[in-house]
Amino acid sequence: MSVCSHDPKLFAAGFDAAALRPASGQVVALLGGPVAGRSAVLRALAGLDADADPVPTAELGLLGSRPSFFPWLNLAENLAFALPGATPFAREGLIANALVRVGLGGLAERRPGTVSAVELQGLAIARLSLLRPKLLLVDAPFAELDEEAQRRLAAPLADLCRQGRPAAAIATGCVEEAVRLADRILVLPQTPGPLAFRLDNLLPYPREPRSVGFVALRRELRRSLEKELGAAQPEVAEVAA
C-alpha cells in the first residue's frame, strides 16, 4: 500500500474539490473511505487544511464531534455571538427558539462544562442554525454519541442542512445517514484514486427508512462499499505478508 493512502492531505489532493463541492441548497454526502481521508476531503471543499477547525461564521460552518465554546459564558451567551447585529429583544427570542428546537430550552443559564456531550452537540447545531452559513460542513458529529443520542439529534441536524438552503457537505461512514440527508452521495475509495461510486438521491422529504425507495438505495450503497472494501483487500493482505 502506498504511503499516500495513509496521509489524509495526499488522499484529499487526489480529488477535484471544486467538482465535489455542493451547490447552494444541495446536500452532498462523502461516504466510506478512510476516516481521516474523508475528513480531509470534506475540509478541502472549503480550501481548509486536513486538520482545520475553523470558528463558525456566516460564510462557513463546521460541525464536528467535539465543538468548542466559551466555558465562562452560559449557553445563551455563547449563542449570542452568532447574532451580532440583532437587537437585544430579537436576540433573546431567536436564542430561546434555537435552544428549544434542540431540546435545551430549560438550560439557557447553564455553562458548557455542566452539560452532557449530546447537549453540547445540540448547542453546536443551535449556533449554526442562527448563523446560517453559506457553506456547511458536517464531519461525523455523532461519532462519539450512543444510538439514543444520535436519534435525539437526527431531526435538528436534518433541519440544519435544509434551513436557509446552504451548500452542505457531510462526511459519514453511515449509509442510513447519507440516504436520509443527502441529495447526492459520493462513495470514496479506500486508497487514493477516483470515486468508487456516485448516486443521486431523488427520494422526497421526509425520508422514511422503511420505505421501498430508502431500502433500495441503502442496499445499493452497501454493495458499493463492500465492493470497494473487497477491491482494497488484496493490498492489505500484501502488506500483512
C-alpha atoms as a PDB file:
ATOM      1  CA  MET A   1       0.000   0.000   0.000  1.00  0.00           C
ATOM      2  CA  SER A   2       1.405   3.406  -0.937  1.00  0.00           C
ATOM      3  CA  VAL A   3       2.384   5.874   1.750  1.00  0.00           C
ATOM      4  CA  CYS A   4      -0.040   8.478   0.393  1.00  0.00           C
ATOM      5  CA  SER A   5      -3.003   6.249   1.231  1.00  0.00           C
ATOM      6  CA  HIS A   6      -2.181   6.829   4.911  1.00  0.00           C
ATOM      7  CA  ASP A   7      -1.750  10.610   4.541  1.00  0.00           C
ATOM      8  CA  PRO A   8      -5.083  12.478   4.722  1.00  0.00           C
ATOM      9  CA  LYS A   9      -3.672  15.512   2.901  1.00  0.00           C
ATOM     10  CA  LEU A  10      -2.378  13.461  -0.001  1.00  0.00           C
ATOM     11  CA  PHE A  11      -5.584  11.426  -0.100  1.00  0.00           C
ATOM     12  CA  ALA A  12      -7.643  14.623  -0.379  1.00  0.00           C
ATOM     13  CA  ALA A  13      -5.275  16.054  -3.003  1.00  0.00           C
ATOM     14  CA  GLY A  14      -6.368  13.282  -5.370  1.00  0.00           C
ATOM     15  CA  PHE A  15      -9.828  14.834  -5.775  1.00  0.00           C
ATOM     16  CA  ASP A  16     -11.043  17.931  -7.573  1.00  0.00           C
ATOM     17  CA  ALA A  17     -12.581  19.764  -4.627  1.00  0.00           C
ATOM     18  CA  ALA A  18     -14.378  22.247  -6.882  1.00  0.00           C
ATOM     19  CA  ALA A  19     -16.145  19.403  -8.707  1.00  0.00           C
ATOM     20  CA  LEU A  20     -17.260  17.772  -5.439  1.00  0.00           C
ATOM     21  CA  ARG A  21     -18.425  20.951  -3.732  1.00  0.00           C
ATOM     22  CA  PRO A  22     -22.216  21.178  -3.337  1.00  0.00           C
ATOM     23  CA  ALA A  23     -24.281  23.871  -4.980  1.00  0.00           C
ATOM     24  CA  SER A  24     -26.428  26.222  -2.913  1.00  0.00           C
ATOM     25  CA  GLY A  25     -29.375  24.297  -1.499  1.00  0.00           C
ATOM     26  CA  GLN A  26     -27.751  20.923  -2.165  1.00  0.00           C
ATOM     27  CA  VAL A  27     -26.563  18.339   0.364  1.00  0.00           C
ATOM     28  CA  VAL A  28     -23.675  16.101  -0.701  1.00  0.00           C
ATOM     29  CA  ALA A  29     -22.546  13.103   1.360  1.00  0.00           C
ATOM     30  CA  LEU A  30     -18.983  11.767   1.314  1.00  0.00           C
ATOM     31  CA  LEU A  31     -19.426   8.135   2.260  1.00  0.00           C
ATOM     32  CA  GLY A  32     -16.832   5.472   3.015  1.00  0.00           C
ATOM     33  CA  GLY A  33     -13.089   5.719   2.502  1.00  0.00           C
ATOM     34  CA  PRO A  34     -10.575   6.075   5.348  1.00  0.00           C
ATOM     35  CA  VAL A  35     -11.927   8.210   8.202  1.00  0.00           C
ATOM     36  CA  ALA A  36      -9.077  10.729   8.235  1.00  0.00           C
ATOM     37  CA  GLY A  37      -9.049  10.932   4.450  1.00  0.00           C
ATOM     38  CA  ARG A  38     -12.801  11.514   4.354  1.00  0.00           C
ATOM     39  CA  SER A  39     -12.467  14.390   6.828  1.00  0.00           C
ATOM     40  CA  ALA A  40      -9.629  15.876   4.780  1.00  0.00           C
ATOM     41  CA  VAL A  41     -11.694  15.750   1.576  1.00  0.00           C
ATOM     42  CA  LEU A  42     -14.571  17.465   3.392  1.00  0.00           C
ATOM     43  CA  ARG A  43     -12.349  20.319   4.532  1.00  0.00           C
ATOM     44  CA  ALA A  44     -10.767  20.603   1.089  1.00  0.00           C
ATOM     45  CA  LEU A  45     -14.190  21.622  -0.238  1.00  0.00           C
ATOM     46  CA  ALA A  46     -13.713  24.876   1.670  1.00  0.00           C
ATOM     47  CA  GLY A  47      -9.988  25.162   0.937  1.00  0.00           C
ATOM     48  CA  LEU A  48      -9.104  24.172   4.516  1.00  0.00           C
ATOM     49  CA  ASP A  49      -6.195  22.108   5.789  1.00  0.00           C
ATOM     50  CA  ALA A  50      -6.942  18.499   6.739  1.00  0.00           C
ATOM     51  CA  ASP A  51      -6.908  19.237  10.485  1.00  0.00           C
ATOM     52  CA  ALA A  52      -8.548  22.688  10.401  1.00  0.00           C
ATOM     53  CA  ASP A  53     -11.232  23.533  12.959  1.00  0.00           C
ATOM     54  CA  PRO A  54     -12.442  26.998  11.915  1.00  0.00           C
ATOM     55  CA  VAL A  55     -14.550  29.318  14.035  1.00  0.00           C
ATOM     56  CA  PRO A  56     -18.091  29.197  12.580  1.00  0.00           C
ATOM     57  CA  THR A  57     -19.177  32.264  10.630  1.00  0.00           C
ATOM     58  CA  ALA A  58     -21.979  33.234   8.266  1.00  0.00           C
ATOM     59  CA  GLU A  59     -19.728  32.122   5.391  1.00  0.00           C
ATOM     60  CA  LEU A  60     -18.542  28.752   6.714  1.00  0.00           C
ATOM     61  CA  GLY A  61     -19.721  26.461   9.486  1.00  0.00           C
ATOM     62  CA  LEU A  62     -18.125  23.169  10.532  1.00  0.00           C
ATOM     63  CA  LEU A  63     -19.989  20.727  12.753  1.00  0.00           C
ATOM     64  CA  GLY A  64     -17.586  18.146  14.159  1.00  0.00           C
ATOM     65  CA  SER A  65     -17.634  15.652  17.013  1.00  0.00           C
ATOM     66  CA  ARG A  66     -16.090  17.986  19.609  1.00  0.00           C
ATOM     67  CA  PRO A  67     -17.471  21.525  19.356  1.00  0.00           C
ATOM     68  CA  SER A  68     -15.886  24.250  21.460  1.00  0.00           C
ATOM     69  CA  PHE A  69     -17.494  27.122  23.351  1.00  0.00           C
ATOM     70  CA  PHE A  70     -16.530  29.860  25.785  1.00  0.00           C
ATOM     71  CA  PRO A  71     -16.548  27.976  29.115  1.00  0.00           C
ATOM     72  CA  TRP A  72     -17.098  31.091  31.240  1.00  0.00           C
ATOM     73  CA  LEU A  73     -20.320  32.008  29.414  1.00  0.00           C
ATOM     74  CA  ASN A  74     -23.670  30.273  29.723  1.00  0.00           C
ATOM     75  CA  LEU A  75     -25.353  28.567  26.753  1.00  0.00           C
ATOM     76  CA  ALA A  76     -27.453  31.579  25.793  1.00  0.00           C
ATOM     77  CA  GLU A  77     -24.450  33.920  25.983  1.00  0.00           C
ATOM     78  CA  ASN A  78     -22.442  31.584  23.754  1.00  0.00           C
ATOM     79  CA  LEU A  79     -25.194  31.679  21.146  1.00  0.00           C
ATOM     80  CA  ALA A  80     -25.379  35.474  21.299  1.00  0.00           C
ATOM     81  CA  PHE A  81     -22.098  35.636  19.346  1.00  0.00           C
ATOM     82  CA  ALA A  82     -23.964  34.193  16.352  1.00  0.00           C
ATOM     83  CA  LEU A  83     -26.272  37.252  16.271  1.00  0.00           C
ATOM     84  CA  PRO A  84     -24.026  40.336  16.426  1.00  0.00           C
ATOM     85  CA  GLY A  85     -26.426  42.575  14.525  1.00  0.00           C
ATOM     86  CA  ALA A  86     -29.660  41.646  16.290  1.00  0.00           C
ATOM     87  CA  THR A  87     -31.398  43.863  18.823  1.00  0.00           C
ATOM     88  CA  PRO A  88     -31.408  42.565  22.411  1.00  0.00           C
ATOM     89  CA  PHE A  89     -35.124  41.754  22.168  1.00  0.00           C
ATOM     90  CA  ALA A  90     -34.803  39.890  18.851  1.00  0.00           C
ATOM     91  CA  ARG A  91     -31.646  38.114  20.012  1.00  0.00           C
ATOM     92  CA  GLU A  92     -33.342  36.835  23.160  1.00  0.00           C
ATOM     93  CA  GLY A  93     -36.244  35.376  21.181  1.00  0.00           C
ATOM     94  CA  LEU A  94     -34.075  33.787  18.492  1.00  0.00           C
ATOM     95  CA  ILE A  95     -31.791  32.172  21.076  1.00  0.00           C
ATOM     96  CA  ALA A  96     -34.730  30.846  23.092  1.00  0.00           C
ATOM     97  CA  ASN A  97     -36.264  29.279  19.960  1.00  0.00           C
ATOM     98  CA  ALA A  98     -32.942  27.778  18.859  1.00  0.00           C
ATOM     99  CA  LEU A  99     -32.416  26.164  22.266  1.00  0.00           C
ATOM    100  CA  VAL A 100     -35.936  24.729  22.322  1.00  0.00           C
ATOM    101  CA  ARG A 101     -35.502  23.167  18.878  1.00  0.00           C
ATOM    102  CA  VAL A 102     -32.508  21.135  20.089  1.00  0.00           C
ATOM    103  CA  GLY A 103     -34.044  20.189  23.441  1.00  0.00           C
ATOM    104  CA  LEU A 104     -32.126  22.699  25.562  1.00  0.00           C
ATOM    105  CA  GLY A 105     -34.973  25.060  26.376  1.00  0.00           C
ATOM    106  CA  GLY A 106     -34.503  24.848  30.131  1.00  0.00           C
ATOM    107  CA  LEU A 107     -30.701  25.042  30.120  1.00  0.00           C
ATOM    108  CA  ALA A 108     -30.010  28.563  28.861  1.00  0.00           C
ATOM    109  CA  GLU A 109     -28.303  29.632  32.103  1.00  0.00           C
ATOM    110  CA  ARG A 110     -26.057  26.560  32.337  1.00  0.00           C
ATOM    111  CA  ARG A 111     -22.393  26.706  31.336  1.00  0.00           C
ATOM    112  CA  PRO A 112     -20.896  24.360  28.703  1.00  0.00           C
ATOM    113  CA  GLY A 113     -18.870  22.447  31.270  1.00  0.00           C
ATOM    114  CA  THR A 114     -22.009  21.428  33.166  1.00  0.00           C
ATOM    115  CA  VAL A 115     -23.928  19.796  30.305  1.00  0.00           C
ATOM    116  CA  SER A 116     -23.539  16.443  28.564  1.00  0.00           C
ATOM    117  CA  ALA A 117     -21.814  15.672  25.263  1.00  0.00           C
ATOM    118  CA  VAL A 118     -25.134  15.284  23.465  1.00  0.00           C
ATOM    119  CA  GLU A 119     -26.286  18.649  24.833  1.00  0.00           C
ATOM    120  CA  LEU A 120     -23.079  20.281  23.594  1.00  0.00           C
ATOM    121  CA  GLN A 121     -23.745  18.871  20.144  1.00  0.00           C
ATOM    122  CA  GLY A 122     -27.250  20.275  20.335  1.00  0.00           C
ATOM    123  CA  LEU A 123     -25.767  23.640  21.263  1.00  0.00           C
ATOM    124  CA  ALA A 124     -23.420  23.444  18.254  1.00  0.00           C
ATOM    125  CA  ILE A 125     -26.376  22.754  15.964  1.00  0.00           C
ATOM    126  CA  ALA A 126     -28.277  25.676  17.534  1.00  0.00           C
ATOM    127  CA  ARG A 127     -25.320  28.002  16.961  1.00  0.00           C
ATOM    128  CA  LEU A 128     -25.098  27.055  13.282  1.00  0.00           C
ATOM    129  CA  SER A 129     -28.864  27.376  12.872  1.00  0.00           C
ATOM    130  CA  LEU A 130     -28.548  31.003  13.997  1.00  0.00           C
ATOM    131  CA  LEU A 131     -25.505  31.724  11.826  1.00  0.00           C
ATOM    132  CA  ARG A 132     -26.969  30.021   8.724  1.00  0.00           C
ATOM    133  CA  PRO A 133     -23.603  29.653   6.973  1.00  0.00           C
ATOM    134  CA  LYS A 134     -23.476  29.651   3.188  1.00  0.00           C
ATOM    135  CA  LEU A 135     -21.255  26.548   3.247  1.00  0.00           C
ATOM    136  CA  LEU A 136     -21.983  23.946   5.914  1.00  0.00           C
ATOM    137  CA  LEU A 137     -19.539  21.090   6.569  1.00  0.00           C
ATOM    138  CA  VAL A 138     -20.701  18.206   8.762  1.00  0.00           C
ATOM    139  CA  ASP A 139     -17.936  15.858   9.896  1.00  0.00           C
ATOM    140  CA  ALA A 140     -19.356  12.822  11.736  1.00  0.00           C
ATOM    141  CA  PRO A 141     -20.683  14.923  14.651  1.00  0.00           C
ATOM    142  CA  PHE A 142     -22.340  11.945  16.349  1.00  0.00           C
ATOM    143  CA  ALA A 143     -19.327   9.614  16.195  1.00  0.00           C
ATOM    144  CA  GLU A 144     -18.847   9.689  19.967  1.00  0.00           C
ATOM    145  CA  LEU A 145     -22.532   9.557  20.905  1.00  0.00           C
ATOM    146  CA  ASP A 146     -24.676   6.499  21.631  1.00  0.00           C
ATOM    147  CA  GLU A 147     -27.606   5.488  19.422  1.00  0.00           C
ATOM    148  CA  GLU A 148     -30.222   7.162  21.614  1.00  0.00           C
ATOM    149  CA  ALA A 149     -28.345  10.459  21.483  1.00  0.00           C
ATOM    150  CA  GLN A 150     -27.954  10.165  17.716  1.00  0.00           C
ATOM    151  CA  ARG A 151     -31.688   9.650  17.293  1.00  0.00           C
ATOM    152  CA  ARG A 152     -32.371  12.670  19.511  1.00  0.00           C
ATOM    153  CA  LEU A 153     -30.300  14.972  17.303  1.00  0.00           C
ATOM    154  CA  ALA A 154     -31.170  13.437  13.904  1.00  0.00           C
ATOM    155  CA  ALA A 155     -34.088  15.802  13.230  1.00  0.00           C
ATOM    156  CA  PRO A 156     -32.254  19.005  14.299  1.00  0.00           C
ATOM    157  CA  LEU A 157     -29.323  18.006  12.065  1.00  0.00           C
ATOM    158  CA  ALA A 158     -31.640  17.411   9.107  1.00  0.00           C
ATOM    159  CA  ASP A 159     -33.276  20.822   9.708  1.00  0.00           C
ATOM    160  CA  LEU A 160     -29.841  22.461   9.854  1.00  0.00           C
ATOM    161  CA  CYS A 161     -28.908  21.011   6.459  1.00  0.00           C
ATOM    162  CA  ARG A 162     -32.117  22.358   4.902  1.00  0.00           C
ATOM    163  CA  GLN A 163     -32.962  25.692   6.508  1.00  0.00           C
ATOM    164  CA  GLY A 164     -31.640  28.659   4.595  1.00  0.00           C
ATOM    165  CA  ARG A 165     -30.650  26.292   1.743  1.00  0.00           C
ATOM    166  CA  PRO A 166     -26.897  26.210   2.423  1.00  0.00           C
ATOM    167  CA  ALA A 167     -24.406  24.331   0.311  1.00  0.00           C
ATOM    168  CA  ALA A 168     -23.940  21.393   2.690  1.00  0.00           C
ATOM    169  CA  ALA A 169     -21.451  18.531   2.671  1.00  0.00           C
ATOM    170  CA  ILE A 170     -21.461  15.599   5.076  1.00  0.00           C
ATOM    171  CA  ALA A 171     -18.603  13.199   5.822  1.00  0.00           C
ATOM    172  CA  THR A 172     -20.034   9.983   7.212  1.00  0.00           C
ATOM    173  CA  GLY A 173     -19.460   6.268   7.487  1.00  0.00           C
ATOM    174  CA  CYS A 174     -23.186   5.624   7.964  1.00  0.00           C
ATOM    175  CA  VAL A 175     -25.172   4.617   4.880  1.00  0.00           C
ATOM    176  CA  GLU A 176     -28.524   5.420   6.520  1.00  0.00           C
ATOM    177  CA  GLU A 177     -27.408   8.924   7.457  1.00  0.00           C
ATOM    178  CA  ALA A 178     -26.244   9.563   3.898  1.00  0.00           C
ATOM    179  CA  VAL A 179     -29.564   8.396   2.397  1.00  0.00           C
ATOM    180  CA  ARG A 180     -31.593  10.345   4.971  1.00  0.00           C
ATOM    181  CA  LEU A 181     -29.811  13.665   4.455  1.00  0.00           C
ATOM    182  CA  ALA A 182     -28.107  13.874   1.073  1.00  0.00           C
ATOM    183  CA  ASP A 183     -29.219  14.720  -2.454  1.00  0.00           C
ATOM    184  CA  ARG A 184     -26.006  13.337  -3.937  1.00  0.00           C
ATOM    185  CA  ILE A 185     -23.911  10.555  -2.390  1.00  0.00           C
ATOM    186  CA  LEU A 186     -20.255  10.035  -3.307  1.00  0.00           C
ATOM    187  CA  VAL A 187     -18.579   6.794  -2.221  1.00  0.00           C
ATOM    188  CA  LEU A 188     -14.877   7.414  -1.624  1.00  0.00           C
ATOM    189  CA  PRO A 189     -12.220   4.810  -2.424  1.00  0.00           C
ATOM    190  CA  GLN A 190     -10.263   3.072   0.320  1.00  0.00           C
ATOM    191  CA  THR A 191      -6.989   4.071  -1.321  1.00  0.00           C
ATOM    192  CA  PRO A 192      -6.146   7.113  -3.487  1.00  0.00           C
ATOM    193  CA  GLY A 193      -7.983   7.022  -6.783  1.00  0.00           C
ATOM    194  CA  PRO A 194     -11.213   8.030  -8.489  1.00  0.00           C
ATOM    195  CA  LEU A 195     -14.584   7.973  -6.758  1.00  0.00           C
ATOM    196  CA  ALA A 196     -15.796   4.430  -6.222  1.00  0.00           C
ATOM    197  CA  PHE A 197     -19.453   5.242  -6.848  1.00  0.00           C
ATOM    198  CA  ARG A 198     -21.872   8.166  -7.069  1.00  0.00           C
ATOM    199  CA  LEU A 199     -25.614   8.224  -6.637  1.00  0.00           C
ATOM    200  CA  ASP A 200     -28.290  10.917  -6.977  1.00  0.00           C
ATOM    201  CA  ASN A 201     -30.887  10.622  -4.226  1.00  0.00           C
ATOM    202  CA  LEU A 202     -34.286  11.752  -5.511  1.00  0.00           C
ATOM    203  CA  LEU A 203     -36.355  10.488  -2.577  1.00  0.00           C
ATOM    204  CA  PRO A 204     -38.779  13.137  -1.243  1.00  0.00           C
ATOM    205  CA  TYR A 205     -38.568  14.553   2.276  1.00  0.00           C
ATOM    206  CA  PRO A 206     -39.096  13.456   4.942  1.00  0.00           C
ATOM    207  CA  ARG A 207     -37.384  10.153   4.188  1.00  0.00           C
ATOM    208  CA  GLU A 208     -38.727   7.057   5.864  1.00  0.00           C
ATOM    209  CA  PRO A 209     -36.046   4.373   6.451  1.00  0.00           C
ATOM    210  CA  ARG A 210     -38.619   1.598   5.997  1.00  0.00           C
ATOM    211  CA  SER A 211     -39.864   2.835   2.624  1.00  0.00           C
ATOM    212  CA  VAL A 212     -39.157   0.790  -0.500  1.00  0.00           C
ATOM    213  CA  GLY A 213     -37.047   3.516  -2.086  1.00  0.00           C
ATOM    214  CA  PHE A 214     -34.948   4.094   1.041  1.00  0.00           C
ATOM    215  CA  VAL A 215     -34.271   0.385   1.449  1.00  0.00           C
ATOM    216  CA  ALA A 216     -33.278   0.059  -2.219  1.00  0.00           C
ATOM    217  CA  LEU A 217     -30.786   2.948  -2.061  1.00  0.00           C
ATOM    218  CA  ARG A 218     -29.344   1.674   1.200  1.00  0.00           C
ATOM    219  CA  ARG A 219     -28.824  -1.766  -0.334  1.00  0.00           C
ATOM    220  CA  GLU A 220     -27.152  -0.307  -3.429  1.00  0.00           C
ATOM    221  CA  LEU A 221     -24.762   1.815  -1.367  1.00  0.00           C
ATOM    222  CA  ARG A 222     -23.851  -1.066   0.929  1.00  0.00           C
ATOM    223  CA  ARG A 223     -22.999  -3.195  -2.098  1.00  0.00           C
ATOM    224  CA  SER A 224     -20.794  -0.415  -3.414  1.00  0.00           C
ATOM    225  CA  LEU A 225     -18.980  -0.128  -0.085  1.00  0.00           C
ATOM    226  CA  GLU A 226     -18.492  -3.878   0.116  1.00  0.00           C
ATOM    227  CA  LYS A 227     -17.141  -3.940  -3.440  1.00  0.00           C
ATOM    228  CA  GLU A 228     -14.687  -1.147  -2.661  1.00  0.00           C
ATOM    229  CA  LEU A 229     -13.508  -2.848   0.533  1.00  0.00           C
ATOM    230  CA  GLY A 230     -13.043  -6.072  -1.399  1.00  0.00           C
ATOM    231  CA  ALA A 231     -11.028  -4.306  -4.087  1.00  0.00           C
ATOM    232  CA  ALA A 232      -8.727  -2.821  -1.450  1.00  0.00           C
ATOM    233  CA  GLN A 233      -8.294  -6.082   0.456  1.00  0.00           C
ATOM    234  CA  PRO A 234      -5.518  -7.595  -1.718  1.00  0.00           C
ATOM    235  CA  GLU A 235      -3.301  -4.582  -0.987  1.00  0.00           C
ATOM    236  CA  VAL A 236      -3.895  -5.002   2.745  1.00  0.00           C
ATOM    237  CA  ALA A 237      -3.103  -8.714   2.552  1.00  0.00           C
ATOM    238  CA  GLU A 238       0.085  -7.979   0.632  1.00  0.00           C
ATOM    239  CA  VAL A 239       1.281  -5.564   3.297  1.00  0.00           C
ATOM    240  CA  ALA A 240       0.463  -8.051   6.057  1.00  0.00           C
ATOM    241  CA  ALA A 241       2.540 -10.692   4.257  1.00  0.00           C
END
